[in-house]
PDB file of N, CA and C in Angstrom:
ATOM      1  N   UNK A   1      74.217  76.698  95.728  1.00  0.00           N
ATOM      2  CA  UNK A   1      76.013  78.186  95.683  1.00  0.00           C
ATOM      3  C   UNK A   1      74.316  79.169  94.911  1.00  0.00           C
ATOM      4  N   UNK A   2      74.213  80.714  95.526  1.00  0.00           N
ATOM      5  CA  UNK A   2      73.406  80.986  94.896  1.00  0.00           C
ATOM      6  C   UNK A   2      74.197  82.120  93.352  1.00  0.00           C
ATOM      7  N   UNK A   3      73.645  82.537  92.675  1.00  0.00           N
ATOM      8  CA  UNK A   3      73.822  83.289  91.609  1.00  0.00           C
ATOM      9  C   UNK A   3      73.226  84.370  91.584  1.00  0.00           C
ATOM     10  N   UNK A   4      73.905  85.643  91.331  1.00  0.00           N
ATOM     11  CA  UNK A   4      73.901  87.369  91.363  1.00  0.00           C
ATOM     12  C   UNK A   4      74.252  87.239  90.006  1.00  0.00           C
ATOM     13  N   UNK A   5      73.211  88.782  89.242  1.00  0.00           N
ATOM     14  CA  UNK A   5      73.672  89.264  88.531  1.00  0.00           C
ATOM     15  C   UNK A   5      74.723  90.264  88.783  1.00  0.00           C
ATOM     16  N   UNK A   6      75.537  91.084  87.726  1.00  0.00           N
ATOM     17  CA  UNK A   6      76.319  91.755  88.206  1.00  0.00           C
ATOM     18  C   UNK A   6      75.863  93.123  88.667  1.00  0.00           C
ATOM     19  N   UNK A   7      74.883  93.172  88.209  1.00  0.00           N
ATOM     20  CA  UNK A   7      74.281  94.878  88.858  1.00  0.00           C
ATOM     21  C   UNK A   7      73.986  94.503  90.212  1.00  0.00           C
ATOM     22  N   UNK A   8      73.226  93.526  90.689  1.00  0.00           N
ATOM     23  CA  UNK A   8      72.955  92.756  92.044  1.00  0.00           C
ATOM     24  C   UNK A   8      74.435  93.201  92.524  1.00  0.00           C
ATOM     25  N   UNK A   9      75.532  92.337  91.960  1.00  0.00           N
ATOM     26  CA  UNK A   9      76.511  92.387  92.587  1.00  0.00           C
ATOM     27  C   UNK A   9      77.440  93.258  93.349  1.00  0.00           C
ATOM     28  N   UNK A  10      77.427  94.300  92.368  1.00  0.00           N
ATOM     29  CA  UNK A  10      77.637  95.675  92.370  1.00  0.00           C
ATOM     30  C   UNK A  10      77.080  96.482  93.573  1.00  0.00           C
ATOM     31  N   UNK A  11      75.397  96.201  93.466  1.00  0.00           N
ATOM     32  CA  UNK A  11      74.695  96.848  94.459  1.00  0.00           C
ATOM     33  C   UNK A  11      75.157  96.589  96.102  1.00  0.00           C
ATOM     34  N   UNK A  12      75.450  94.933  96.336  1.00  0.00           N
ATOM     35  CA  UNK A  12      75.500  94.124  97.399  1.00  0.00           C
ATOM     36  C   UNK A  12      76.732  93.652  97.463  1.00  0.00           C
ATOM     37  N   UNK A  13      77.831  94.278  97.085  1.00  0.00           N
ATOM     38  CA  UNK A  13      79.079  93.401  96.866  1.00  0.00           C
ATOM     39  C   UNK A  13      79.610  93.465  98.636  1.00  0.00           C
ATOM     40  N   UNK A  14      79.677  94.080  99.388  1.00  0.00           N
ATOM     41  CA  UNK A  14      80.156  94.345 100.722  1.00  0.00           C
ATOM     42  C   UNK A  14      79.564  93.292 101.319  1.00  0.00           C
ATOM     43  N   UNK A  15      78.017  93.185 101.502  1.00  0.00           N
ATOM     44  CA  UNK A  15      77.546  91.799 101.750  1.00  0.00           C
ATOM     45  C   UNK A  15      77.914  90.627 101.435  1.00  0.00           C
ATOM     46  N   UNK A  16      77.685  90.494 100.170  1.00  0.00           N
ATOM     47  CA  UNK A  16      77.844  89.277  99.385  1.00  0.00           C
ATOM     48  C   UNK A  16      79.410  88.734  99.717  1.00  0.00           C
ATOM     49  N   UNK A  17      80.410  89.787  99.718  1.00  0.00           N
ATOM     50  CA  UNK A  17      81.788  89.414  99.876  1.00  0.00           C
ATOM     51  C   UNK A  17      82.080  89.219 101.978  1.00  0.00           C
ATOM     52  N   UNK A  18      81.023  89.742 102.221  1.00  0.00           N
ATOM     53  CA  UNK A  18      81.052  88.876 103.893  1.00  0.00           C
ATOM     54  C   UNK A  18      80.631  87.682 103.544  1.00  0.00           C
ATOM     55  N   UNK A  19      79.299  87.150 102.789  1.00  0.00           N
ATOM     56  CA  UNK A  19      79.163  85.752 103.110  1.00  0.00           C
ATOM     57  C   UNK A  19      80.273  84.761 102.706  1.00  0.00           C
ATOM     58  N   UNK A  20      80.709  85.865 101.612  1.00  0.00           N
ATOM     59  CA  UNK A  20      81.906  84.528 101.444  1.00  0.00           C
ATOM     60  C   UNK A  20      82.971  84.424 102.329  1.00  0.00           C
ATOM     61  N   UNK A  21      83.050  85.239 102.528  1.00  0.00           N
ATOM     62  CA  UNK A  21      84.217  85.184 103.715  1.00  0.00           C
ATOM     63  C   UNK A  21      83.746  84.264 105.046  1.00  0.00           C
ATOM     64  N   UNK A  22      82.123  84.011 105.192  1.00  0.00           N
ATOM     65  CA  UNK A  22      81.748  83.291 105.922  1.00  0.00           C
ATOM     66  C   UNK A  22      81.752  81.460 105.274  1.00  0.00           C
ATOM     67  N   UNK A  23      82.378  81.662 104.212  1.00  0.00           N
ATOM     68  CA  UNK A  23      82.039  80.096 103.781  1.00  0.00           C
ATOM     69  C   UNK A  23      80.503  79.816 102.766  1.00  0.00           C
ATOM     70  N   UNK A  24      80.170  81.340 102.541  1.00  0.00           N
ATOM     71  CA  UNK A  24      79.097  81.216 101.574  1.00  0.00           C
ATOM     72  C   UNK A  24      79.291  81.792 100.071  1.00  0.00           C
ATOM     73  N   UNK A  25      80.160  80.641  99.271  1.00  0.00           N
ATOM     74  CA  UNK A  25      80.678  80.985  98.184  1.00  0.00           C
ATOM     75  C   UNK A  25      79.449  81.827  97.415  1.00  0.00           C
ATOM     76  N   UNK A  26      79.333  82.159  95.767  1.00  0.00           N
ATOM     77  CA  UNK A  26      78.275  82.613  94.985  1.00  0.00           C
ATOM     78  C   UNK A  26      78.582  82.654  93.810  1.00  0.00           C
ATOM     79  N   UNK A  27      78.254  83.360  92.437  1.00  0.00           N
ATOM     80  CA  UNK A  27      78.795  83.083  91.098  1.00  0.00           C
ATOM     81  C   UNK A  27      78.524  84.474  90.903  1.00  0.00           C
ATOM     82  N   UNK A  28      78.853  84.828  90.076  1.00  0.00           N
ATOM     83  CA  UNK A  28      78.236  86.452  89.216  1.00  0.00           C
ATOM     84  C   UNK A  28      78.074  86.273  88.231  1.00  0.00           C
ATOM     85  N   UNK A  29      76.747  86.511  87.378  1.00  0.00           N
ATOM     86  CA  UNK A  29      76.556  85.766  85.963  1.00  0.00           C
ATOM     87  C   UNK A  29      76.145  87.260  85.261  1.00  0.00           C
ATOM     88  N   UNK A  30      76.341  87.225  83.841  1.00  0.00           N
ATOM     89  CA  UNK A  30      75.707  88.009  83.503  1.00  0.00           C
ATOM     90  C   UNK A  30      74.463  87.817  82.264  1.00  0.00           C
ATOM     91  N   UNK A  31      73.937  88.145  82.018  1.00  0.00           N
ATOM     92  CA  UNK A  31      72.421  87.477  81.063  1.00  0.00           C
ATOM     93  C   UNK A  31      71.910  86.414  81.679  1.00  0.00           C
ATOM     94  N   UNK A  32      72.326  86.062  82.903  1.00  0.00           N
ATOM     95  CA  UNK A  32      72.015  84.701  83.266  1.00  0.00           C
ATOM     96  C   UNK A  32      72.760  83.793  83.038  1.00  0.00           C
ATOM     97  N   UNK A  33      74.051  83.840  82.077  1.00  0.00           N
ATOM     98  CA  UNK A  33      75.170  83.291  82.012  1.00  0.00           C
ATOM     99  C   UNK A  33      76.210  83.457  82.877  1.00  0.00           C
ATOM    100  N   UNK A  34      76.713  82.499  83.861  1.00  0.00           N
ATOM    101  CA  UNK A  34      77.751  82.363  85.130  1.00  0.00           C
ATOM    102  C   UNK A  34      79.176  83.181  84.188  1.00  0.00           C
ATOM    103  N   UNK A  35      79.694  83.429  85.052  1.00  0.00           N
ATOM    104  CA  UNK A  35      81.001  84.172  84.888  1.00  0.00           C
ATOM    105  C   UNK A  35      82.263  83.796  85.350  1.00  0.00           C
ATOM    106  N   UNK A  36      81.843  83.883  86.680  1.00  0.00           N
ATOM    107  CA  UNK A  36      82.883  83.811  87.857  1.00  0.00           C
ATOM    108  C   UNK A  36      82.358  83.338  88.636  1.00  0.00           C
ATOM    109  N   UNK A  37      83.132  82.367  89.778  1.00  0.00           N
ATOM    110  CA  UNK A  37      82.769  82.325  91.117  1.00  0.00           C
ATOM    111  C   UNK A  37      83.357  82.749  92.519  1.00  0.00           C
ATOM    112  N   UNK A  38      83.039  83.298  93.120  1.00  0.00           N
ATOM    113  CA  UNK A  38      83.851  84.299  94.283  1.00  0.00           C
ATOM    114  C   UNK A  38      83.354  83.593  95.905  1.00  0.00           C
ATOM    115  N   UNK A  39      84.971  83.084  96.005  1.00  0.00           N
ATOM    116  CA  UNK A  39      85.091  82.200  97.231  1.00  0.00           C
ATOM    117  C   UNK A  39      86.126  82.991  97.935  1.00  0.00           C
ATOM    118  N   UNK A  40      86.167  82.623  99.159  1.00  0.00           N
ATOM    119  CA  UNK A  40      87.210  83.057  99.862  1.00  0.00           C
ATOM    120  C   UNK A  40      88.723  82.390  99.789  1.00  0.00           C
ATOM    121  N   UNK A  41      89.621  82.972 100.103  1.00  0.00           N
ATOM    122  CA  UNK A  41      90.758  82.230 100.504  1.00  0.00           C
ATOM    123  C   UNK A  41      91.317  82.004 101.802  1.00  0.00           C
ATOM    124  N   UNK A  42      91.641  80.828 101.867  1.00  0.00           N
ATOM    125  CA  UNK A  42      92.711  80.858 103.279  1.00  0.00           C
ATOM    126  C   UNK A  42      93.465  81.884 103.408  1.00  0.00           C
ATOM    127  N   UNK A  43      93.916  82.294 104.820  1.00  0.00           N
ATOM    128  CA  UNK A  43      94.572  83.042 105.307  1.00  0.00           C
ATOM    129  C   UNK A  43      96.373  82.558 105.262  1.00  0.00           C
ATOM    130  N   UNK A  44      96.538  81.276 104.770  1.00  0.00           N
ATOM    131  CA  UNK A  44      98.056  80.922 103.967  1.00  0.00           C
ATOM    132  C   UNK A  44      98.298  80.898 102.798  1.00  0.00           C
ATOM    133  N   UNK A  45      96.709  80.993 101.811  1.00  0.00           N
ATOM    134  CA  UNK A  45      96.839  81.240 100.241  1.00  0.00           C
ATOM    135  C   UNK A  45      97.635  82.343 100.221  1.00  0.00           C
ATOM    136  N   UNK A  46      98.548  82.658  98.994  1.00  0.00           N
ATOM    137  CA  UNK A  46      99.364  83.732  97.733  1.00  0.00           C
ATOM    138  C   UNK A  46     100.476  84.185  99.669  1.00  0.00           C
ATOM    139  N   UNK A  47     100.804  83.564 100.438  1.00  0.00           N
ATOM    140  CA  UNK A  47     102.126  84.397 101.346  1.00  0.00           C
ATOM    141  C   UNK A  47     103.071  83.957 101.094  1.00  0.00           C
ATOM    142  N   UNK A  48     104.138  84.342 100.694  1.00  0.00           N
ATOM    143  CA  UNK A  48     105.681  83.943 100.960  1.00  0.00           C
ATOM    144  C   UNK A  48     106.500  83.700 101.710  1.00  0.00           C
ATOM    145  N   UNK A  49     107.060  82.584 101.504  1.00  0.00           N
ATOM    146  CA  UNK A  49     108.030  82.168 102.410  1.00  0.00           C
ATOM    147  C   UNK A  49     109.309  83.777 103.139  1.00  0.00           C
ATOM    148  N   UNK A  50     108.917  83.958 104.367  1.00  0.00           N
ATOM    149  CA  UNK A  50     109.728  84.450 104.884  1.00  0.00           C
ATOM    150  C   UNK A  50     111.220  84.720 104.572  1.00  0.00           C
ATOM    151  N   UNK A  51     111.723  85.747 104.730  1.00  0.00           N
ATOM    152  CA  UNK A  51     113.293  85.786 104.777  1.00  0.00           C
ATOM    153  C   UNK A  51     114.086  85.245 105.891  1.00  0.00           C
ATOM    154  N   UNK A  52     115.025  84.192 104.770  1.00  0.00           N
ATOM    155  CA  UNK A  52     116.291  83.344 105.641  1.00  0.00           C
ATOM    156  C   UNK A  52     114.999  82.060 106.002  1.00  0.00           C
ATOM    157  N   UNK A  53     114.255  81.943 105.500  1.00  0.00           N
ATOM    158  CA  UNK A  53     113.239  80.754 105.569  1.00  0.00           C
ATOM    159  C   UNK A  53     114.119  78.998 105.562  1.00  0.00           C
ATOM    160  N   UNK A  54     115.581  79.522 104.805  1.00  0.00           N
ATOM    161  CA  UNK A  54     116.458  77.988 104.495  1.00  0.00           C
ATOM    162  C   UNK A  54     117.951  78.313 105.555  1.00  0.00           C
ATOM    163  N   UNK A  55     117.784  79.364 106.318  1.00  0.00           N
ATOM    164  CA  UNK A  55     118.959  79.393 107.089  1.00  0.00           C
ATOM    165  C   UNK A  55     119.115  78.622 107.902  1.00  0.00           C
ATOM    166  N   UNK A  56     120.439  77.692 107.624  1.00  0.00           N
ATOM    167  CA  UNK A  56     120.985  76.758 108.197  1.00  0.00           C
ATOM    168  C   UNK A  56     120.653  75.418 107.265  1.00  0.00           C
ATOM    169  N   UNK A  57     119.837  75.592 106.839  1.00  0.00           N
ATOM    170  CA  UNK A  57     119.940  74.058 105.540  1.00  0.00           C
ATOM    171  C   UNK A  57     120.556  74.402 104.030  1.00  0.00           C
ATOM    172  N   UNK A  58     121.581  76.019 103.888  1.00  0.00           N
ATOM    173  CA  UNK A  58     122.397  75.532 102.993  1.00  0.00           C
ATOM    174  C   UNK A  58     123.340  76.258 103.003  1.00  0.00           C
ATOM    175  N   UNK A  59     124.395  76.125 102.406  1.00  0.00           N
ATOM    176  CA  UNK A  59     125.652  76.971 102.640  1.00  0.00           C
ATOM    177  C   UNK A  59     126.209  77.410 101.585  1.00  0.00           C
ATOM    178  N   UNK A  60     126.899  78.446 101.289  1.00  0.00           N
ATOM    179  CA  UNK A  60     126.823  78.961 100.184  1.00  0.00           C
ATOM    180  C   UNK A  60     128.587  79.415 100.563  1.00  0.00           C
ATOM    181  N   UNK A  61     129.549  78.902  99.175  1.00  0.00           N
ATOM    182  CA  UNK A  61     130.756  78.356  99.729  1.00  0.00           C
ATOM    183  C   UNK A  61     131.640  80.297 100.205  1.00  0.00           C
ATOM    184  N   UNK A  62     132.786  80.421 100.564  1.00  0.00           N
ATOM    185  CA  UNK A  62     133.531  81.339 100.562  1.00  0.00           C
ATOM    186  C   UNK A  62     133.835  82.399  99.428  1.00  0.00           C
ATOM    187  N   UNK A  63     134.116  81.687  98.779  1.00  0.00           N
ATOM    188  CA  UNK A  63     134.522  82.021  97.675  1.00  0.00           C
ATOM    189  C   UNK A  63     133.483  82.400  96.067  1.00  0.00           C
ATOM    190  N   UNK A  64     132.154  82.451  96.728  1.00  0.00           N
ATOM    191  CA  UNK A  64     130.949  82.255  95.582  1.00  0.00           C
ATOM    192  C   UNK A  64     130.789  83.714  94.418  1.00  0.00           C
ATOM    193  N   UNK A  65     131.828  84.436  94.890  1.00  0.00           N
ATOM    194  CA  UNK A  65     131.526  84.988  93.876  1.00  0.00           C
ATOM    195  C   UNK A  65     132.955  85.303  93.021  1.00  0.00           C
ATOM    196  N   UNK A  66     133.612  84.350  93.034  1.00  0.00           N
ATOM    197  CA  UNK A  66     135.122  84.146  92.360  1.00  0.00           C
ATOM    198  C   UNK A  66     134.051  83.144  91.395  1.00  0.00           C
ATOM    199  N   UNK A  67     133.435  82.344  91.525  1.00  0.00           N
ATOM    200  CA  UNK A  67     132.751  80.945  91.187  1.00  0.00           C
ATOM    201  C   UNK A  67     132.688  81.469  89.428  1.00  0.00           C
ATOM    202  N   UNK A  68     133.761  80.432  88.821  1.00  0.00           N
ATOM    203  CA  UNK A  68     133.191  80.369  86.892  1.00  0.00           C
ATOM    204  C   UNK A  68     134.105  82.182  86.668  1.00  0.00           C
ATOM    205  N   UNK A  69     134.764  82.986  87.523  1.00  0.00           N
ATOM    206  CA  UNK A  69     135.022  84.087  86.391  1.00  0.00           C
ATOM    207  C   UNK A  69     135.645  83.453  85.399  1.00  0.00           C
ATOM    208  N   UNK A  70     136.514  82.769  85.174  1.00  0.00           N
ATOM    209  CA  UNK A  70     137.965  82.542  83.923  1.00  0.00           C
ATOM    210  C   UNK A  70     136.628  82.143  83.223  1.00  0.00           C
ATOM    211  N   UNK A  71     135.764  81.477  83.008  1.00  0.00           N
ATOM    212  CA  UNK A  71     134.971  81.215  82.091  1.00  0.00           C
ATOM    213  C   UNK A  71     133.785  82.004  81.515  1.00  0.00           C
ATOM    214  N   UNK A  72     133.813  83.172  82.434  1.00  0.00           N
ATOM    215  CA  UNK A  72     132.518  84.275  81.802  1.00  0.00           C
ATOM    216  C   UNK A  72     133.158  85.158  81.544  1.00  0.00           C
ATOM    217  N   UNK A  73     134.520  85.397  81.822  1.00  0.00           N
ATOM    218  CA  UNK A  73     135.735  86.391  81.453  1.00  0.00           C
ATOM    219  C   UNK A  73     135.723  85.955  79.965  1.00  0.00           C
ATOM    220  N   UNK A  74     135.783  84.750  79.510  1.00  0.00           N
ATOM    221  CA  UNK A  74     136.333  83.692  78.284  1.00  0.00           C
ATOM    222  C   UNK A  74     135.078  84.385  77.140  1.00  0.00           C
ATOM    223  N   UNK A  75     133.804  84.302  77.920  1.00  0.00           N
ATOM    224  CA  UNK A  75     132.645  84.235  77.088  1.00  0.00           C
ATOM    225  C   UNK A  75     132.910  85.853  76.784  1.00  0.00           C
ATOM    226  N   UNK A  76     132.945  86.587  77.514  1.00  0.00           N
ATOM    227  CA  UNK A  76     133.103  88.078  77.147  1.00  0.00           C
ATOM    228  C   UNK A  76     134.487  88.728  76.081  1.00  0.00           C
ATOM    229  N   UNK A  77     135.124  87.715  76.781  1.00  0.00           N
ATOM    230  CA  UNK A  77     136.665  88.811  75.637  1.00  0.00           C
ATOM    231  C   UNK A  77     137.111  87.631  74.836  1.00  0.00           C
ATOM    232  N   UNK A  78     136.486  86.290  74.617  1.00  0.00           N
ATOM    233  CA  UNK A  78     136.859  85.334  73.673  1.00  0.00           C
ATOM    234  C   UNK A  78     137.872  84.632  74.327  1.00  0.00           C
ATOM    235  N   UNK A  79     137.515  83.180  74.453  1.00  0.00           N
ATOM    236  CA  UNK A  79     138.678  82.059  74.644  1.00  0.00           C
ATOM    237  C   UNK A  79     140.015  82.037  73.993  1.00  0.00           C
ATOM    238  N   UNK A  80     141.327  81.987  75.001  1.00  0.00           N
ATOM    239  CA  UNK A  80     142.030  82.359  73.946  1.00  0.00           C
ATOM    240  C   UNK A  80     142.883  80.767  74.269  1.00  0.00           C
TER     241      UNK A  80
END
């Protein structure tokens, strides 16, 4: 894995990134001390699940908005 200094990385960033995308990871160093490793991420990394991905797997009760109403009111108004 090649190591490049910060100045070289800034100068050739586009070329280095293109190489990383092709699987050629590299290390950026400062004064010869390795600081970071740059590597490509896969297309699925960081993707969130789409809205509705649990459709049909769970159910919400019809009275969902009423659940715990008395207990919550007691917490706010004081238990009687």
